[in-house]
Protein backbone atom coordinates (compact mmCIF):
# COMPACT_ATOMS: atom_id res chain seq x y z
CA MET A 1 -12.41 -12.45 11.32
CA THR A 2 -10.98 -9.11 11.86
CA VAL A 3 -8.91 -6.46 9.83
CA ALA A 4 -5.82 -7.80 11.45
CA ASP A 5 -6.41 -11.19 9.62
CA ARG A 6 -4.27 -11.04 6.56
CA CYS A 7 -4.11 -13.28 3.36
CA ASP A 8 -1.29 -15.75 3.44
CA ARG A 9 -0.67 -15.17 -0.25
CA CYS A 10 -0.70 -11.47 -0.69
CA GLY A 11 -1.26 -9.78 2.68
CA ALA A 12 -4.59 -8.14 1.91
CA GLN A 13 -7.32 -8.34 4.40
CA ALA A 14 -8.69 -11.90 4.76
CA TYR A 15 -12.18 -12.77 4.27
CA VAL A 16 -11.84 -16.56 4.28
CA ARG A 17 -10.42 -18.85 6.92
CA VAL A 18 -9.55 -22.42 5.86
CA GLN A 19 -9.15 -24.86 8.63
CA LEU A 20 -6.91 -27.77 7.94
CA PRO A 21 -6.08 -30.85 9.91
CA SER A 22 -2.71 -29.32 10.55
CA GLY A 23 -3.48 -25.60 11.02
CA GLU A 24 -5.18 -22.95 9.16
CA LEU A 25 -4.87 -20.66 6.24
CA PHE A 26 -6.26 -17.13 5.51
CA PHE A 27 -7.21 -15.82 2.04
CA CYS A 28 -8.48 -12.58 0.54
CA ALA A 29 -11.42 -13.10 -1.74
CA HIS A 30 -9.37 -13.31 -4.81
CA HIS A 31 -7.15 -15.89 -3.68
CA ALA A 32 -9.85 -17.93 -1.89
CA ARG A 33 -11.46 -18.24 -5.40
CA ALA A 34 -8.18 -18.97 -7.06
CA HIS A 35 -7.26 -21.86 -4.60
CA SER A 36 -10.62 -23.14 -3.61
CA GLU A 37 -10.40 -26.25 -5.67
CA ALA A 38 -7.10 -27.19 -4.00
CA PHE A 39 -8.19 -26.58 -0.34
CA SER A 40 -11.85 -27.74 -0.60
CA SER A 41 -10.96 -31.41 -0.70
CA VAL A 42 -8.69 -31.23 2.37
CA ALA A 43 -10.23 -28.36 4.56
CA THR A 44 -12.17 -29.45 7.81
CA HIS A 45 -14.06 -26.25 7.82
CA VAL A 46 -14.11 -23.01 5.64
CA GLN A 47 -15.34 -19.69 7.14
CA ASP A 48 -16.20 -17.51 4.20
CA GLU A 49 -17.11 -13.83 5.00
CA THR A 50 -16.69 -12.48 1.45
CA ASP A 51 -20.33 -11.30 1.71
CA ARG A 52 -18.91 -8.59 4.00
CA LEU A 53 -17.26 -6.98 0.96
CA LEU A 54 -20.50 -5.78 -0.48
CA ALA A 55 -21.75 -4.65 2.86
CA GLU A 56 -18.49 -2.76 3.54
CA HIS A 57 -17.90 -1.22 0.22
CA GLY A 58 -21.26 -1.20 -1.46
CA ALA A 59 -22.12 -2.22 -4.87
CA GLY A 60 -20.36 -0.02 -7.37
CA SER A 61 -18.47 2.16 -4.83
CA ALA A 62 -15.44 2.14 -6.97
CA ALA A 63 -17.18 3.65 -10.01
CA ARG A 64 -18.55 6.46 -7.90
CA GLY A 65 -15.00 7.34 -6.89
């Protein structure tokens, strides 16, 4: 996924792509967690790149400011 892929719920950068029989949805990490129960039973494939968040932003980077 690229920085151009945006969450279908809020527009933030998407880190999860959910492929469905009729198309696909993109989610930020927050909305992927919030909706995982709903899409997990119907998804044909889930591409989860949320581990990139730690690599890109580092642990505790917000605290260092």
